[in-house]
């Protein structure tokens, strides 16, 4: 449930003919929201007026990917012991099983009314453990 497949398109490539930095982030974010939707996290976020936010993102490029290739985005995330922080690891993997890019991000949960960082509820932390901790 935390692996999403994508076909790389012309819109994902840059002047050099390979997938651009911005496209990798777009693909990764699309995959994350698909995972959140399929696991029911989106509904919980809406019901609790909480949203995940990201403080920083680091990308490690391993090999090129080109238009027409199929990739799999493997999204994993863990929470801090107090459930306030999110540690995301996203691998984009080509059809040969090679990691194309590794993306690491750190974030938290934002109370959308108070605009403050809060701990994730047991519903949210349970979904993270169940679907995203492999």
Protein backbone atom coordinates (compact mmCIF):
# COMPACT_ATOMS: atom_id res chain seq x y z
CA UNK A 1 0.00 0.00 0.00
CA UNK A 2 3.01 2.32 0.39
CA UNK A 3 4.40 1.60 -3.09
CA UNK A 4 3.06 3.62 -6.01
CA UNK A 5 3.98 3.11 -9.67
CA UNK A 6 4.58 5.98 -12.12
CA UNK A 7 5.40 6.28 -15.80
CA UNK A 8 7.94 9.04 -16.37
CA UNK A 9 6.71 11.51 -18.97
CA UNK A 10 8.22 14.30 -21.04
CA UNK A 11 6.95 16.83 -18.49
CA UNK A 12 9.25 15.20 -15.90
CA UNK A 13 12.45 15.74 -17.89
CA UNK A 14 14.83 18.68 -17.98
CA UNK A 15 17.18 20.11 -20.61
CA UNK A 16 19.58 17.17 -20.11
CA UNK A 17 16.89 14.65 -20.99
CA UNK A 18 16.68 13.07 -17.55
CA UNK A 19 14.14 13.53 -14.77
CA UNK A 20 14.54 16.88 -13.04
CA UNK A 21 14.91 17.54 -9.34
CA UNK A 22 11.52 19.27 -9.22
CA UNK A 23 9.86 16.35 -11.01
CA UNK A 24 11.21 13.85 -8.48
CA UNK A 25 9.71 15.92 -5.67
CA UNK A 26 6.39 16.20 -7.52
CA UNK A 27 6.28 12.45 -8.15
CA UNK A 28 7.17 11.73 -4.52
CA UNK A 29 4.50 14.12 -3.22
CA UNK A 30 1.86 12.66 -5.54
CA UNK A 31 2.74 9.20 -4.24
CA UNK A 32 2.58 10.31 -0.60
CA UNK A 33 -0.90 11.75 -1.00
CA UNK A 34 -2.05 8.61 -2.83
CA UNK A 35 -0.76 6.53 0.09
CA UNK A 36 -2.43 8.84 2.62
CA UNK A 37 -5.69 8.57 0.69
CA UNK A 38 -5.57 4.77 0.31
CA UNK A 39 -4.80 4.25 4.02
CA UNK A 40 -7.52 6.59 5.26
CA UNK A 41 -5.05 9.14 6.63
CA UNK A 42 -6.46 11.98 4.51
CA UNK A 43 -9.88 11.50 6.13
CA UNK A 44 -8.36 11.50 9.61
CA UNK A 45 -6.33 14.64 8.87
CA UNK A 46 -9.51 16.40 7.72
CA UNK A 47 -11.58 15.20 10.67
CA UNK A 48 -8.93 16.24 13.21
CA UNK A 49 -7.93 19.52 11.49
CA UNK A 50 -4.31 18.36 11.43
CA UNK A 51 -1.93 18.33 8.51
CA UNK A 52 1.58 17.02 7.97
CA UNK A 53 4.21 19.67 7.23
CA UNK A 54 7.81 19.32 6.12
CA UNK A 55 10.74 21.30 7.51
CA UNK A 56 13.54 20.05 5.28
CA UNK A 57 14.14 17.67 2.41
CA UNK A 58 17.39 16.11 1.19
CA UNK A 59 17.76 14.33 -2.14
CA UNK A 60 20.49 11.86 -3.05
CA UNK A 61 20.66 11.18 -6.79
CA UNK A 62 21.98 7.71 -7.64
CA UNK A 63 21.37 7.09 -11.37
CA UNK A 64 19.54 8.77 -14.23
CA UNK A 65 15.94 8.09 -15.10
CA UNK A 66 14.48 9.03 -18.46
CA UNK A 67 11.14 9.63 -20.12
CA UNK A 68 9.24 6.40 -20.77
CA UNK A 69 10.71 4.51 -17.82
CA UNK A 70 8.47 3.06 -15.14
CA UNK A 71 9.39 3.71 -11.53
CA UNK A 72 8.05 2.73 -8.15
CA UNK A 73 7.91 5.19 -5.28
CA UNK A 74 8.38 3.44 -1.94
CA UNK A 75 7.22 5.72 0.87
CA UNK A 76 8.19 4.94 4.47
CA UNK A 77 7.73 7.11 7.52
CA UNK A 78 8.30 6.90 11.24
CA UNK A 79 7.18 9.14 14.06
CA UNK A 80 9.19 10.39 17.01
CA UNK A 81 8.47 8.86 20.42
CA UNK A 82 6.19 11.80 21.30
CA UNK A 83 4.39 11.53 17.89
CA UNK A 84 5.19 15.17 17.05
CA UNK A 85 7.84 14.64 14.38
CA UNK A 86 7.75 12.77 11.07
CA UNK A 87 10.83 11.16 9.50
CA UNK A 88 10.14 10.29 5.85
CA UNK A 89 12.19 8.09 3.54
CA UNK A 90 11.18 7.90 -0.09
CA UNK A 91 12.99 5.70 -2.58
CA UNK A 92 12.26 6.03 -6.28
CA UNK A 93 13.21 2.73 -7.88
CA UNK A 94 13.53 1.81 -11.56
CA UNK A 95 12.26 -1.38 -13.22
CA UNK A 96 15.62 -3.08 -12.60
CA UNK A 97 15.25 -2.57 -8.85
CA UNK A 98 17.89 0.15 -8.72
CA UNK A 99 17.35 3.17 -6.52
CA UNK A 100 17.26 6.23 -8.74
CA UNK A 101 16.92 8.79 -5.97
CA UNK A 102 16.61 8.70 -2.18
CA UNK A 103 14.60 11.47 -0.57
CA UNK A 104 14.71 12.10 3.18
CA UNK A 105 12.47 14.63 4.89
CA UNK A 106 11.73 15.75 8.41
CA UNK A 107 8.50 17.32 9.49
CA UNK A 108 5.72 17.42 12.04
CA UNK A 109 1.96 17.69 12.46
CA UNK A 110 0.32 21.11 12.32
CA UNK A 111 -2.94 21.91 14.10
CA UNK A 112 -4.68 23.80 11.31
CA UNK A 113 -6.72 26.01 13.67
CA UNK A 114 -4.09 26.87 16.29
CA UNK A 115 -1.25 26.88 13.70
CA UNK A 116 0.98 25.02 16.14
CA UNK A 117 2.86 21.75 16.09
CA UNK A 118 0.96 18.98 17.91
CA UNK A 119 1.34 15.29 18.59
CA UNK A 120 -0.40 12.92 16.21
CA UNK A 121 -3.48 11.22 17.57
CA UNK A 122 -3.58 7.49 18.17
CA UNK A 123 -5.56 7.11 14.91
CA UNK A 124 -2.82 8.84 12.91
CA UNK A 125 0.10 7.17 14.69
CA UNK A 126 -1.60 3.79 14.31
CA UNK A 127 -1.94 4.24 10.54
CA UNK A 128 1.70 5.29 10.29
CA UNK A 129 2.78 2.16 12.18
CA UNK A 130 0.46 -0.11 10.19
CA UNK A 131 1.18 1.11 6.67
CA UNK A 132 4.39 3.15 6.59
CA UNK A 133 6.93 1.64 8.97
CA UNK A 134 8.39 -1.15 6.84
